[in-house]
N, C-alpha and C. Protein backbone atom coordinates (compact mmCIF):
# COMPACT_ATOMS: atom_id res chain seq x y z
N MET A 1 0.84 -1.19 0.00
CA MET A 1 0.00 0.00 0.00
C MET A 1 0.89 1.25 0.00
N GLU A 2 0.62 2.15 -0.93
CA GLU A 2 1.43 3.35 -1.06
C GLU A 2 0.65 4.56 -0.57
N ASP A 3 1.29 5.39 0.24
CA ASP A 3 0.60 6.53 0.84
C ASP A 3 0.08 7.51 -0.19
N ASP A 4 0.73 7.60 -1.36
CA ASP A 4 0.27 8.58 -2.33
C ASP A 4 -0.72 8.00 -3.31
N ALA A 5 -1.16 6.78 -3.10
CA ALA A 5 -2.18 6.19 -3.97
C ALA A 5 -3.50 6.91 -3.77
N PRO A 6 -4.36 6.99 -4.84
CA PRO A 6 -5.65 7.65 -4.67
C PRO A 6 -6.52 6.94 -3.65
N TYR A 7 -6.35 5.65 -3.53
CA TYR A 7 -6.99 4.84 -2.50
C TYR A 7 -5.97 3.79 -2.10
N PRO A 8 -6.18 3.10 -0.97
CA PRO A 8 -5.30 1.97 -0.66
C PRO A 8 -5.26 1.02 -1.86
N ARG A 9 -4.07 0.52 -2.21
CA ARG A 9 -3.94 -0.29 -3.41
C ARG A 9 -4.67 -1.61 -3.24
N PHE A 10 -5.58 -1.93 -4.15
CA PHE A 10 -6.35 -3.15 -4.10
C PHE A 10 -6.04 -3.97 -5.34
N ALA A 11 -5.62 -5.20 -5.18
CA ALA A 11 -5.21 -6.02 -6.32
C ALA A 11 -6.41 -6.51 -7.11
N SER A 12 -6.22 -6.65 -8.42
CA SER A 12 -7.26 -7.18 -9.30
C SER A 12 -7.42 -8.69 -9.07
N ARG A 13 -8.63 -9.17 -9.23
CA ARG A 13 -8.90 -10.60 -9.09
C ARG A 13 -8.71 -11.36 -10.41
N GLY A 14 -8.50 -10.66 -11.51
CA GLY A 14 -8.17 -11.32 -12.75
C GLY A 14 -9.34 -11.69 -13.64
N LYS A 15 -10.56 -11.38 -13.22
CA LYS A 15 -11.71 -11.62 -14.08
C LYS A 15 -11.89 -10.45 -15.04
N ALA A 16 -12.93 -10.54 -15.87
CA ALA A 16 -13.24 -9.46 -16.80
C ALA A 16 -14.70 -9.09 -16.63
N TYR A 17 -14.97 -7.79 -16.59
CA TYR A 17 -16.31 -7.29 -16.33
C TYR A 17 -16.70 -6.25 -17.38
N VAL A 18 -17.98 -6.22 -17.69
CA VAL A 18 -18.56 -5.13 -18.47
C VAL A 18 -19.30 -4.24 -17.48
N TYR A 19 -19.04 -2.95 -17.56
CA TYR A 19 -19.64 -2.03 -16.60
C TYR A 19 -20.49 -0.97 -17.30
N VAL A 20 -21.46 -0.46 -16.56
CA VAL A 20 -22.29 0.66 -16.99
C VAL A 20 -22.32 1.65 -15.84
N LEU A 21 -21.87 2.88 -16.10
CA LEU A 21 -21.79 3.92 -15.08
C LEU A 21 -22.67 5.10 -15.49
N PRO A 22 -23.86 5.23 -14.93
CA PRO A 22 -24.70 6.39 -15.23
C PRO A 22 -24.25 7.60 -14.41
N CYS A 23 -24.22 8.76 -15.04
CA CYS A 23 -23.93 9.99 -14.30
C CYS A 23 -25.08 10.28 -13.35
N ARG A 24 -24.77 10.93 -12.25
CA ARG A 24 -25.77 11.19 -11.24
C ARG A 24 -26.74 12.31 -11.64
N ASP A 25 -26.25 13.32 -12.32
CA ASP A 25 -27.06 14.53 -12.54
C ASP A 25 -27.53 14.73 -13.97
N GLU A 26 -27.28 13.77 -14.85
CA GLU A 26 -27.80 13.89 -16.21
C GLU A 26 -27.95 12.50 -16.82
N ASP A 27 -28.74 12.42 -17.88
CA ASP A 27 -29.06 11.14 -18.50
C ASP A 27 -27.94 10.73 -19.45
N LEU A 28 -26.79 10.44 -18.87
CA LEU A 28 -25.58 10.12 -19.61
C LEU A 28 -24.90 8.97 -18.91
N LEU A 29 -24.36 8.03 -19.67
CA LEU A 29 -23.70 6.89 -19.05
C LEU A 29 -22.46 6.49 -19.83
N LYS A 30 -21.57 5.80 -19.12
CA LYS A 30 -20.34 5.26 -19.70
C LYS A 30 -20.42 3.75 -19.67
N VAL A 31 -20.06 3.11 -20.78
CA VAL A 31 -19.95 1.66 -20.80
C VAL A 31 -18.51 1.29 -21.14
N GLY A 32 -18.11 0.12 -20.73
CA GLY A 32 -16.77 -0.34 -21.01
C GLY A 32 -16.55 -1.70 -20.37
N PHE A 33 -15.32 -2.18 -20.46
CA PHE A 33 -14.98 -3.42 -19.76
C PHE A 33 -13.64 -3.25 -19.08
N SER A 34 -13.43 -4.04 -18.04
CA SER A 34 -12.20 -3.92 -17.26
C SER A 34 -11.98 -5.21 -16.48
N ARG A 35 -10.72 -5.54 -16.27
CA ARG A 35 -10.40 -6.63 -15.35
C ARG A 35 -10.35 -6.14 -13.92
N ASP A 36 -10.32 -4.83 -13.73
CA ASP A 36 -10.24 -4.25 -12.38
C ASP A 36 -11.19 -3.05 -12.32
N PRO A 37 -12.49 -3.29 -12.16
CA PRO A 37 -13.47 -2.19 -12.20
C PRO A 37 -13.18 -1.08 -11.21
N PHE A 38 -12.76 -1.42 -10.00
CA PHE A 38 -12.53 -0.38 -8.99
C PHE A 38 -11.49 0.63 -9.47
N THR A 39 -10.37 0.13 -9.96
CA THR A 39 -9.33 1.04 -10.44
C THR A 39 -9.82 1.81 -11.65
N ARG A 40 -10.55 1.14 -12.53
CA ARG A 40 -11.07 1.82 -13.71
C ARG A 40 -12.00 2.95 -13.30
N PHE A 41 -12.91 2.71 -12.39
CA PHE A 41 -13.85 3.74 -11.96
C PHE A 41 -13.11 4.93 -11.37
N SER A 42 -12.08 4.65 -10.57
CA SER A 42 -11.37 5.75 -9.91
C SER A 42 -10.54 6.57 -10.88
N THR A 43 -10.16 6.00 -12.03
CA THR A 43 -9.46 6.80 -13.03
C THR A 43 -10.41 7.72 -13.79
N LEU A 44 -11.67 7.32 -13.89
CA LEU A 44 -12.64 8.15 -14.60
C LEU A 44 -13.03 9.38 -13.79
N HIS A 45 -13.07 9.23 -12.47
CA HIS A 45 -13.36 10.38 -11.62
C HIS A 45 -12.83 10.09 -10.23
N ARG A 46 -12.15 11.07 -9.65
CA ARG A 46 -11.54 10.89 -8.32
C ARG A 46 -12.57 10.49 -7.28
N ARG A 47 -13.77 11.05 -7.36
CA ARG A 47 -14.86 10.69 -6.46
C ARG A 47 -15.98 10.04 -7.29
N PHE A 48 -15.66 8.91 -7.89
CA PHE A 48 -16.60 8.25 -8.79
C PHE A 48 -17.89 7.86 -8.09
N TYR A 49 -17.83 7.61 -6.80
CA TYR A 49 -19.00 7.21 -6.04
C TYR A 49 -19.97 8.37 -5.85
N ASP A 50 -19.52 9.60 -6.04
CA ASP A 50 -20.39 10.78 -6.05
C ASP A 50 -20.81 11.16 -7.46
N PHE A 51 -19.86 11.12 -8.39
CA PHE A 51 -20.11 11.57 -9.75
C PHE A 51 -21.07 10.65 -10.48
N PHE A 52 -20.93 9.35 -10.28
CA PHE A 52 -21.81 8.38 -10.91
C PHE A 52 -22.90 7.93 -9.93
N ASP A 53 -24.03 7.57 -10.49
CA ASP A 53 -25.15 7.05 -9.70
C ASP A 53 -24.97 5.54 -9.55
N LEU A 54 -24.31 5.14 -8.49
CA LEU A 54 -23.98 3.73 -8.33
C LEU A 54 -25.21 2.86 -8.11
N GLU A 55 -26.28 3.44 -7.59
CA GLU A 55 -27.51 2.67 -7.42
C GLU A 55 -28.02 2.15 -8.76
N ARG A 56 -27.81 2.91 -9.83
CA ARG A 56 -28.28 2.50 -11.15
C ARG A 56 -27.17 1.90 -12.01
N GLY A 57 -25.98 1.77 -11.43
CA GLY A 57 -24.87 1.19 -12.17
C GLY A 57 -25.04 -0.30 -12.35
N LEU A 58 -24.38 -0.84 -13.35
CA LEU A 58 -24.47 -2.26 -13.67
C LEU A 58 -23.07 -2.84 -13.81
N LEU A 59 -22.92 -4.10 -13.42
CA LEU A 59 -21.64 -4.78 -13.56
C LEU A 59 -21.90 -6.23 -13.92
N LEU A 60 -21.47 -6.60 -15.13
CA LEU A 60 -21.66 -7.96 -15.62
C LEU A 60 -20.34 -8.72 -15.52
N ASP A 61 -20.35 -9.82 -14.81
CA ASP A 61 -19.16 -10.67 -14.72
C ASP A 61 -19.10 -11.51 -15.99
N ALA A 62 -18.27 -11.08 -16.94
CA ALA A 62 -18.17 -11.76 -18.23
C ALA A 62 -17.18 -12.92 -18.19
N GLU A 63 -16.50 -13.10 -17.08
CA GLU A 63 -15.59 -14.21 -16.81
C GLU A 63 -14.27 -14.11 -17.55
N LEU A 64 -14.30 -13.87 -18.85
CA LEU A 64 -13.08 -13.81 -19.65
C LEU A 64 -13.03 -12.50 -20.44
N VAL A 65 -11.82 -12.02 -20.72
CA VAL A 65 -11.67 -10.78 -21.47
C VAL A 65 -12.32 -10.90 -22.85
N VAL A 66 -12.17 -12.04 -23.50
CA VAL A 66 -12.75 -12.19 -24.84
C VAL A 66 -14.26 -12.04 -24.80
N HIS A 67 -14.90 -12.53 -23.75
CA HIS A 67 -16.35 -12.37 -23.61
C HIS A 67 -16.70 -10.92 -23.33
N ALA A 68 -15.93 -10.27 -22.47
CA ALA A 68 -16.19 -8.87 -22.14
C ALA A 68 -16.07 -7.99 -23.38
N ARG A 69 -15.05 -8.23 -24.18
CA ARG A 69 -14.87 -7.44 -25.41
C ARG A 69 -16.05 -7.64 -26.35
N ARG A 70 -16.51 -8.87 -26.48
CA ARG A 70 -17.63 -9.15 -27.37
C ARG A 70 -18.90 -8.45 -26.90
N ILE A 71 -19.17 -8.49 -25.61
CA ILE A 71 -20.38 -7.87 -25.09
C ILE A 71 -20.29 -6.35 -25.20
N GLU A 72 -19.12 -5.81 -24.90
CA GLU A 72 -18.95 -4.37 -25.07
C GLU A 72 -19.18 -3.96 -26.52
N ARG A 73 -18.66 -4.73 -27.45
CA ARG A 73 -18.84 -4.43 -28.87
C ARG A 73 -20.31 -4.46 -29.24
N ARG A 74 -21.04 -5.38 -28.66
CA ARG A 74 -22.49 -5.43 -28.95
C ARG A 74 -23.18 -4.16 -28.45
N LEU A 75 -22.80 -3.69 -27.29
CA LEU A 75 -23.37 -2.44 -26.77
C LEU A 75 -23.02 -1.28 -27.68
N ILE A 76 -21.76 -1.21 -28.11
CA ILE A 76 -21.32 -0.11 -28.96
C ILE A 76 -22.08 -0.09 -30.27
N GLU A 77 -22.26 -1.26 -30.87
CA GLU A 77 -22.95 -1.33 -32.16
C GLU A 77 -24.44 -1.06 -32.01
N THR A 78 -25.02 -1.55 -30.93
CA THR A 78 -26.47 -1.39 -30.74
C THR A 78 -26.85 0.07 -30.51
N PHE A 79 -26.01 0.80 -29.79
CA PHE A 79 -26.37 2.16 -29.39
C PHE A 79 -25.47 3.22 -30.05
N SER A 80 -25.00 2.92 -31.23
CA SER A 80 -24.08 3.84 -31.91
C SER A 80 -24.72 5.20 -32.18
N GLU A 81 -26.02 5.24 -32.42
CA GLU A 81 -26.67 6.51 -32.73
C GLU A 81 -26.90 7.37 -31.50
N GLN A 82 -26.70 6.81 -30.33
CA GLN A 82 -26.88 7.56 -29.08
C GLN A 82 -25.55 7.96 -28.45
N ARG A 83 -24.47 7.87 -29.22
CA ARG A 83 -23.17 8.28 -28.70
C ARG A 83 -23.20 9.75 -28.29
N ALA A 84 -22.44 10.07 -27.24
CA ALA A 84 -22.43 11.44 -26.71
C ALA A 84 -21.01 11.81 -26.31
N MET A 85 -20.83 13.11 -26.10
CA MET A 85 -19.54 13.60 -25.64
C MET A 85 -19.35 13.25 -24.16
N ALA A 86 -18.11 12.99 -23.80
CA ALA A 86 -17.80 12.72 -22.40
C ALA A 86 -17.85 14.01 -21.60
N PRO A 87 -18.19 13.95 -20.32
CA PRO A 87 -18.13 15.14 -19.47
C PRO A 87 -16.71 15.70 -19.41
N LEU A 88 -16.60 16.99 -19.31
CA LEU A 88 -15.29 17.64 -19.32
C LEU A 88 -14.44 17.25 -18.12
N VAL A 89 -15.08 16.84 -17.03
CA VAL A 89 -14.32 16.51 -15.82
C VAL A 89 -13.62 15.16 -15.91
N VAL A 90 -13.96 14.37 -16.92
CA VAL A 90 -13.31 13.07 -17.08
C VAL A 90 -11.93 13.27 -17.69
N PRO A 91 -10.86 12.83 -17.04
CA PRO A 91 -9.52 13.09 -17.55
C PRO A 91 -9.27 12.39 -18.89
N VAL A 92 -8.70 13.13 -19.82
CA VAL A 92 -8.32 12.53 -21.10
C VAL A 92 -7.28 11.44 -20.87
N SER A 93 -6.43 11.63 -19.87
CA SER A 93 -5.38 10.66 -19.57
C SER A 93 -5.93 9.31 -19.14
N ALA A 94 -7.20 9.29 -18.71
CA ALA A 94 -7.81 8.03 -18.30
C ALA A 94 -8.38 7.26 -19.50
N ALA A 95 -8.22 7.81 -20.71
CA ALA A 95 -8.80 7.20 -21.91
C ALA A 95 -10.30 6.98 -21.70
N GLY A 96 -10.92 7.94 -21.04
CA GLY A 96 -12.32 7.77 -20.70
C GLY A 96 -13.28 8.58 -21.56
N HIS A 97 -12.84 9.00 -22.75
CA HIS A 97 -13.67 9.88 -23.56
C HIS A 97 -14.38 9.17 -24.70
N THR A 98 -14.44 7.84 -24.63
CA THR A 98 -15.19 7.08 -25.61
C THR A 98 -16.26 6.25 -24.91
N GLU A 99 -17.20 5.78 -25.69
CA GLU A 99 -18.29 4.92 -25.20
C GLU A 99 -19.17 5.60 -24.15
N TRP A 100 -19.54 6.83 -24.43
CA TRP A 100 -20.54 7.52 -23.63
C TRP A 100 -21.83 7.60 -24.43
N TYR A 101 -22.97 7.43 -23.75
CA TYR A 101 -24.26 7.38 -24.44
C TYR A 101 -25.29 8.15 -23.64
N ARG A 102 -26.26 8.70 -24.35
CA ARG A 102 -27.30 9.50 -23.71
C ARG A 102 -28.67 8.89 -23.96
N GLY A 103 -29.46 8.82 -22.87
CA GLY A 103 -30.86 8.43 -23.00
C GLY A 103 -31.13 6.96 -23.23
N VAL A 104 -30.20 6.08 -22.83
CA VAL A 104 -30.39 4.65 -23.16
C VAL A 104 -30.21 3.74 -21.94
N HIS A 105 -30.31 4.28 -20.74
CA HIS A 105 -30.04 3.44 -19.57
C HIS A 105 -30.95 2.22 -19.52
N ALA A 106 -32.23 2.41 -19.69
CA ALA A 106 -33.17 1.28 -19.62
C ALA A 106 -32.86 0.25 -20.70
N GLU A 107 -32.54 0.72 -21.90
CA GLU A 107 -32.26 -0.20 -23.00
C GLU A 107 -30.96 -0.97 -22.77
N VAL A 108 -29.94 -0.29 -22.27
CA VAL A 108 -28.67 -0.95 -21.97
C VAL A 108 -28.88 -2.00 -20.88
N ALA A 109 -29.62 -1.64 -19.84
CA ALA A 109 -29.89 -2.57 -18.75
C ALA A 109 -30.62 -3.81 -19.26
N ALA A 110 -31.61 -3.60 -20.14
CA ALA A 110 -32.37 -4.73 -20.68
C ALA A 110 -31.48 -5.63 -21.53
N LEU A 111 -30.60 -5.04 -22.33
CA LEU A 111 -29.71 -5.85 -23.16
C LEU A 111 -28.77 -6.69 -22.30
N LEU A 112 -28.18 -6.08 -21.27
CA LEU A 112 -27.28 -6.83 -20.40
C LEU A 112 -28.03 -7.90 -19.62
N ASP A 113 -29.26 -7.62 -19.25
CA ASP A 113 -30.08 -8.63 -18.57
C ASP A 113 -30.31 -9.83 -19.48
N ASP A 114 -30.58 -9.56 -20.76
CA ASP A 114 -30.77 -10.65 -21.73
C ASP A 114 -29.48 -11.45 -21.90
N VAL A 115 -28.35 -10.74 -21.99
CA VAL A 115 -27.06 -11.42 -22.14
C VAL A 115 -26.79 -12.31 -20.93
N ALA A 116 -27.01 -11.77 -19.75
CA ALA A 116 -26.75 -12.53 -18.53
C ALA A 116 -27.61 -13.78 -18.47
N SER A 117 -28.88 -13.64 -18.81
CA SER A 117 -29.78 -14.79 -18.77
C SER A 117 -29.41 -15.83 -19.82
N ALA A 118 -29.09 -15.37 -21.03
CA ALA A 118 -28.79 -16.29 -22.12
C ALA A 118 -27.47 -17.03 -21.91
N GLU A 119 -26.50 -16.36 -21.28
CA GLU A 119 -25.17 -16.94 -21.16
C GLU A 119 -24.83 -17.41 -19.76
N GLY A 120 -25.79 -17.32 -18.84
CA GLY A 120 -25.56 -17.79 -17.48
C GLY A 120 -24.52 -16.98 -16.74
N LEU A 121 -24.49 -15.66 -16.97
CA LEU A 121 -23.53 -14.78 -16.33
C LEU A 121 -24.19 -14.01 -15.18
N THR A 122 -23.39 -13.53 -14.28
CA THR A 122 -23.89 -12.78 -13.12
C THR A 122 -23.93 -11.30 -13.44
N LEU A 123 -25.09 -10.68 -13.22
CA LEU A 123 -25.26 -9.25 -13.44
C LEU A 123 -25.63 -8.57 -12.14
N ASP A 124 -24.79 -7.67 -11.67
CA ASP A 124 -25.12 -6.84 -10.51
C ASP A 124 -25.92 -5.64 -11.02
N ARG A 125 -27.13 -5.47 -10.52
CA ARG A 125 -28.01 -4.41 -11.00
C ARG A 125 -27.91 -3.14 -10.18
N SER A 126 -27.00 -3.12 -9.26
CA SER A 126 -26.62 -1.91 -8.53
C SER A 126 -25.16 -2.08 -8.14
N LEU A 127 -24.40 -1.00 -8.23
CA LEU A 127 -22.99 -1.08 -7.87
C LEU A 127 -22.73 -0.82 -6.39
N VAL A 128 -23.75 -0.41 -5.66
CA VAL A 128 -23.54 -0.12 -4.24
C VAL A 128 -23.21 -1.40 -3.45
N PRO A 129 -24.00 -2.47 -3.57
CA PRO A 129 -23.62 -3.70 -2.85
C PRO A 129 -22.27 -4.25 -3.32
N TRP A 130 -22.00 -4.13 -4.62
CA TRP A 130 -20.70 -4.60 -5.12
C TRP A 130 -19.56 -3.80 -4.48
N LEU A 131 -19.67 -2.48 -4.45
CA LEU A 131 -18.62 -1.66 -3.86
C LEU A 131 -18.50 -1.93 -2.37
N ARG A 132 -19.64 -2.10 -1.70
CA ARG A 132 -19.60 -2.38 -0.26
C ARG A 132 -18.85 -3.69 0.00
N GLY A 133 -19.17 -4.72 -0.76
CA GLY A 133 -18.48 -5.99 -0.58
C GLY A 133 -17.00 -5.90 -0.90
N TYR A 134 -16.70 -5.17 -1.96
CA TYR A 134 -15.30 -4.99 -2.37
C TYR A 134 -14.50 -4.31 -1.27
N LEU A 135 -15.05 -3.26 -0.69
CA LEU A 135 -14.34 -2.53 0.36
C LEU A 135 -14.27 -3.33 1.65
N ASN A 136 -15.34 -4.03 1.99
CA ASN A 136 -15.32 -4.83 3.21
C ASN A 136 -14.24 -5.90 3.16
N GLU A 137 -14.01 -6.47 1.99
CA GLU A 137 -12.98 -7.50 1.86
C GLU A 137 -11.57 -6.95 2.07
N ARG A 138 -11.42 -5.64 1.91
CA ARG A 138 -10.11 -5.02 1.99
C ARG A 138 -10.00 -4.02 3.14
N ALA A 139 -11.02 -4.02 4.01
CA ALA A 139 -11.10 -3.00 5.06
C ALA A 139 -9.96 -3.09 6.07
N ASP A 140 -9.33 -4.27 6.20
CA ASP A 140 -8.26 -4.40 7.17
C ASP A 140 -7.04 -3.57 6.81
N ARG A 141 -6.96 -3.10 5.56
CA ARG A 141 -5.83 -2.28 5.14
C ARG A 141 -5.99 -0.81 5.56
N LEU A 142 -7.23 -0.45 5.91
CA LEU A 142 -7.52 0.96 6.14
C LEU A 142 -6.87 1.49 7.41
N HIS A 143 -6.79 0.67 8.43
CA HIS A 143 -6.30 1.12 9.73
C HIS A 143 -4.88 1.68 9.64
N ASP A 144 -3.95 0.87 9.18
CA ASP A 144 -2.55 1.31 9.15
C ASP A 144 -2.31 2.38 8.10
N TRP A 145 -2.97 2.26 6.95
CA TRP A 145 -2.81 3.24 5.87
C TRP A 145 -3.25 4.62 6.33
N SER A 146 -4.42 4.70 6.95
CA SER A 146 -4.93 5.99 7.40
C SER A 146 -4.07 6.56 8.52
N ALA A 147 -3.56 5.70 9.40
CA ALA A 147 -2.71 6.18 10.50
C ALA A 147 -1.43 6.80 9.95
N ARG A 148 -0.84 6.18 8.94
CA ARG A 148 0.40 6.72 8.37
C ARG A 148 0.15 8.09 7.74
N ILE A 149 -1.00 8.24 7.08
CA ILE A 149 -1.29 9.52 6.45
C ILE A 149 -1.50 10.61 7.51
N VAL A 150 -2.26 10.32 8.54
CA VAL A 150 -2.49 11.32 9.58
C VAL A 150 -1.19 11.69 10.27
N ASP A 151 -0.32 10.72 10.49
CA ASP A 151 1.00 11.04 11.07
C ASP A 151 1.77 11.99 10.15
N THR A 152 1.71 11.71 8.85
CA THR A 152 2.41 12.57 7.89
C THR A 152 1.80 13.97 7.87
N LEU A 153 0.49 14.06 7.95
CA LEU A 153 -0.18 15.36 7.94
C LEU A 153 0.13 16.14 9.21
N ASP A 154 0.21 15.46 10.34
CA ASP A 154 0.57 16.15 11.57
C ASP A 154 1.98 16.72 11.48
N TRP A 155 2.89 15.95 10.91
CA TRP A 155 4.26 16.44 10.76
C TRP A 155 4.29 17.64 9.82
N ALA A 156 3.56 17.54 8.68
CA ALA A 156 3.55 18.63 7.70
C ALA A 156 2.93 19.89 8.28
N ALA A 157 1.92 19.75 9.12
CA ALA A 157 1.26 20.92 9.69
C ALA A 157 2.23 21.75 10.53
N HIS A 158 3.21 21.10 11.14
CA HIS A 158 4.17 21.81 11.99
C HIS A 158 5.45 22.19 11.25
N ASN A 159 5.73 21.50 10.16
CA ASN A 159 7.01 21.69 9.50
C ASN A 159 6.91 22.19 8.05
N ALA A 160 5.82 21.90 7.39
CA ALA A 160 5.68 22.31 5.98
C ALA A 160 4.20 22.51 5.67
N PRO A 161 3.57 23.54 6.24
CA PRO A 161 2.11 23.72 6.13
C PRO A 161 1.63 23.97 4.71
N ASP A 162 2.51 24.40 3.80
CA ASP A 162 2.09 24.66 2.43
C ASP A 162 2.47 23.54 1.48
N ASP A 163 2.82 22.40 2.01
CA ASP A 163 3.28 21.27 1.19
C ASP A 163 2.12 20.70 0.37
N ARG A 164 2.25 20.79 -0.94
CA ARG A 164 1.20 20.26 -1.82
C ARG A 164 1.11 18.74 -1.74
N GLY A 165 2.22 18.09 -1.47
CA GLY A 165 2.18 16.64 -1.33
C GLY A 165 1.32 16.22 -0.15
N ALA A 166 1.43 16.95 0.94
CA ALA A 166 0.59 16.67 2.10
C ALA A 166 -0.87 16.90 1.77
N GLU A 167 -1.13 17.95 0.97
CA GLU A 167 -2.52 18.22 0.59
C GLU A 167 -3.10 17.09 -0.25
N ARG A 168 -2.28 16.50 -1.11
CA ARG A 168 -2.76 15.37 -1.90
C ARG A 168 -3.08 14.18 -1.01
N LEU A 169 -2.25 13.96 0.00
CA LEU A 169 -2.53 12.88 0.95
C LEU A 169 -3.82 13.14 1.72
N ARG A 170 -4.01 14.38 2.14
CA ARG A 170 -5.22 14.75 2.87
C ARG A 170 -6.46 14.46 2.03
N ARG A 171 -6.39 14.87 0.77
CA ARG A 171 -7.53 14.66 -0.12
C ARG A 171 -7.77 13.18 -0.38
N ALA A 172 -6.67 12.40 -0.53
CA ALA A 172 -6.81 10.97 -0.75
C ALA A 172 -7.49 10.29 0.43
N LEU A 173 -7.12 10.69 1.65
CA LEU A 173 -7.73 10.07 2.83
C LEU A 173 -9.19 10.46 2.95
N ILE A 174 -9.50 11.73 2.74
CA ILE A 174 -10.89 12.16 2.78
C ILE A 174 -11.72 11.40 1.75
N ASP A 175 -11.22 11.32 0.53
CA ASP A 175 -11.95 10.63 -0.53
C ASP A 175 -12.19 9.17 -0.18
N THR A 176 -11.19 8.53 0.38
CA THR A 176 -11.33 7.12 0.71
C THR A 176 -12.36 6.90 1.81
N LEU A 177 -12.30 7.71 2.87
CA LEU A 177 -13.27 7.55 3.96
C LEU A 177 -14.67 7.90 3.49
N ASP A 178 -14.81 8.94 2.68
CA ASP A 178 -16.12 9.28 2.11
C ASP A 178 -16.66 8.13 1.26
N MET A 179 -15.77 7.46 0.53
CA MET A 179 -16.20 6.35 -0.31
C MET A 179 -16.74 5.20 0.53
N PHE A 180 -16.04 4.86 1.61
CA PHE A 180 -16.54 3.79 2.49
C PHE A 180 -17.94 4.14 2.99
N ILE A 181 -18.13 5.37 3.40
CA ILE A 181 -19.44 5.78 3.92
C ILE A 181 -20.50 5.74 2.83
N ALA A 182 -20.14 6.20 1.61
CA ALA A 182 -21.09 6.16 0.50
C ALA A 182 -21.52 4.73 0.18
N ALA A 183 -20.63 3.78 0.42
CA ALA A 183 -20.94 2.38 0.16
C ALA A 183 -21.69 1.72 1.32
N GLY A 184 -21.93 2.47 2.38
CA GLY A 184 -22.65 1.93 3.53
C GLY A 184 -21.78 1.19 4.52
N VAL A 185 -20.47 1.47 4.51
CA VAL A 185 -19.54 0.82 5.45
C VAL A 185 -19.20 1.82 6.55
N SER A 186 -19.42 1.44 7.79
CA SER A 186 -19.08 2.29 8.92
C SER A 186 -17.56 2.29 9.11
N VAL A 187 -16.96 3.49 9.10
CA VAL A 187 -15.50 3.55 9.15
C VAL A 187 -14.95 3.59 10.57
N GLU A 188 -15.74 4.03 11.54
CA GLU A 188 -15.20 4.21 12.89
C GLU A 188 -14.55 2.94 13.44
N PRO A 189 -15.17 1.76 13.29
CA PRO A 189 -14.52 0.56 13.85
C PRO A 189 -13.25 0.16 13.10
N LEU A 190 -13.02 0.74 11.95
CA LEU A 190 -11.89 0.35 11.12
C LEU A 190 -10.68 1.24 11.30
N LEU A 191 -10.84 2.34 12.06
CA LEU A 191 -9.81 3.37 12.12
C LEU A 191 -9.25 3.53 13.52
N PRO A 192 -7.98 3.98 13.64
CA PRO A 192 -7.47 4.40 14.95
C PRO A 192 -8.27 5.60 15.45
N ASP A 193 -8.31 5.77 16.77
CA ASP A 193 -9.09 6.87 17.34
C ASP A 193 -8.65 8.22 16.81
N ARG A 194 -7.35 8.39 16.61
CA ARG A 194 -6.88 9.70 16.17
C ARG A 194 -7.33 10.01 14.74
N VAL A 195 -7.53 8.97 13.92
CA VAL A 195 -8.03 9.19 12.56
C VAL A 195 -9.52 9.52 12.59
N VAL A 196 -10.25 8.85 13.47
CA VAL A 196 -11.67 9.16 13.63
C VAL A 196 -11.83 10.62 14.04
N GLU A 197 -11.01 11.05 14.99
CA GLU A 197 -11.08 12.45 15.45
C GLU A 197 -10.71 13.40 14.32
N TRP A 198 -9.68 13.06 13.57
CA TRP A 198 -9.25 13.90 12.45
C TRP A 198 -10.36 14.02 11.41
N TYR A 199 -11.01 12.93 11.10
CA TYR A 199 -12.06 12.92 10.08
C TYR A 199 -13.28 13.72 10.53
N ALA A 200 -13.54 13.70 11.83
CA ALA A 200 -14.70 14.43 12.35
C ALA A 200 -14.45 15.93 12.43
N ASN A 201 -13.21 16.34 12.33
CA ASN A 201 -12.86 17.76 12.45
C ASN A 201 -13.02 18.44 11.10
N GLY A 202 -13.94 19.36 10.99
CA GLY A 202 -14.21 20.03 9.72
C GLY A 202 -13.03 20.76 9.13
N ALA A 203 -12.03 21.12 9.95
CA ALA A 203 -10.88 21.87 9.43
C ALA A 203 -10.11 21.05 8.41
N HIS A 204 -10.17 19.73 8.47
CA HIS A 204 -9.38 18.94 7.53
C HIS A 204 -9.91 19.03 6.12
N ARG A 205 -11.09 19.62 5.93
CA ARG A 205 -11.67 19.68 4.59
C ARG A 205 -11.27 20.95 3.84
N ARG A 206 -10.44 21.77 4.40
CA ARG A 206 -9.97 22.95 3.68
C ARG A 206 -8.88 22.55 2.72
N LEU A 207 -9.26 22.35 1.46
CA LEU A 207 -8.34 21.83 0.45
C LEU A 207 -7.95 22.92 -0.53
N PHE A 208 -6.81 22.71 -1.17
CA PHE A 208 -6.44 23.58 -2.30
C PHE A 208 -7.39 23.29 -3.46
N ASP A 209 -7.54 24.26 -4.34
CA ASP A 209 -8.34 24.04 -5.54
C ASP A 209 -7.60 23.09 -6.48
């Protein structure tokens, strides 16, 4: 686990998934496939659990990359006329500016439901339980990781208060704890007392732009 990681480093399980990520505030969604959905989601947006509506998100366990590619291609071909521009907040460096569609959530969901039924694949019809399970399986890493960051922030506050590196760590820890809460995971039992106190203190949310 690296302190400067956007989240504690979580290893891929090696499967292949087709995902659907609807935006929270507009009728726009992203489709794609990945062997590591968590990392993929976090590259599309630093706070993907806020930016996307995970309750309406979909995740199909395609088992193999070749199957995931085929299913993704079917989605691309089926909804080619509904292609849309990616939101400006999605980093170009994440290669996330393709396979965005507008106004087709119900149709995409129905197609993936048909694929799952026909091919005996598992389809998660909400990403919240998936994210909760994913984080719960890795929650034991949070204690030491968060403690190291708070120790670093305490040192920086007294020795280098304008350190941008410390600010990145602060933001990473806030984002991670907010993500656990968004997924319905209580963080207090997972954290040292000093991290719980730090998180409860509103002053830690004063971030650089």
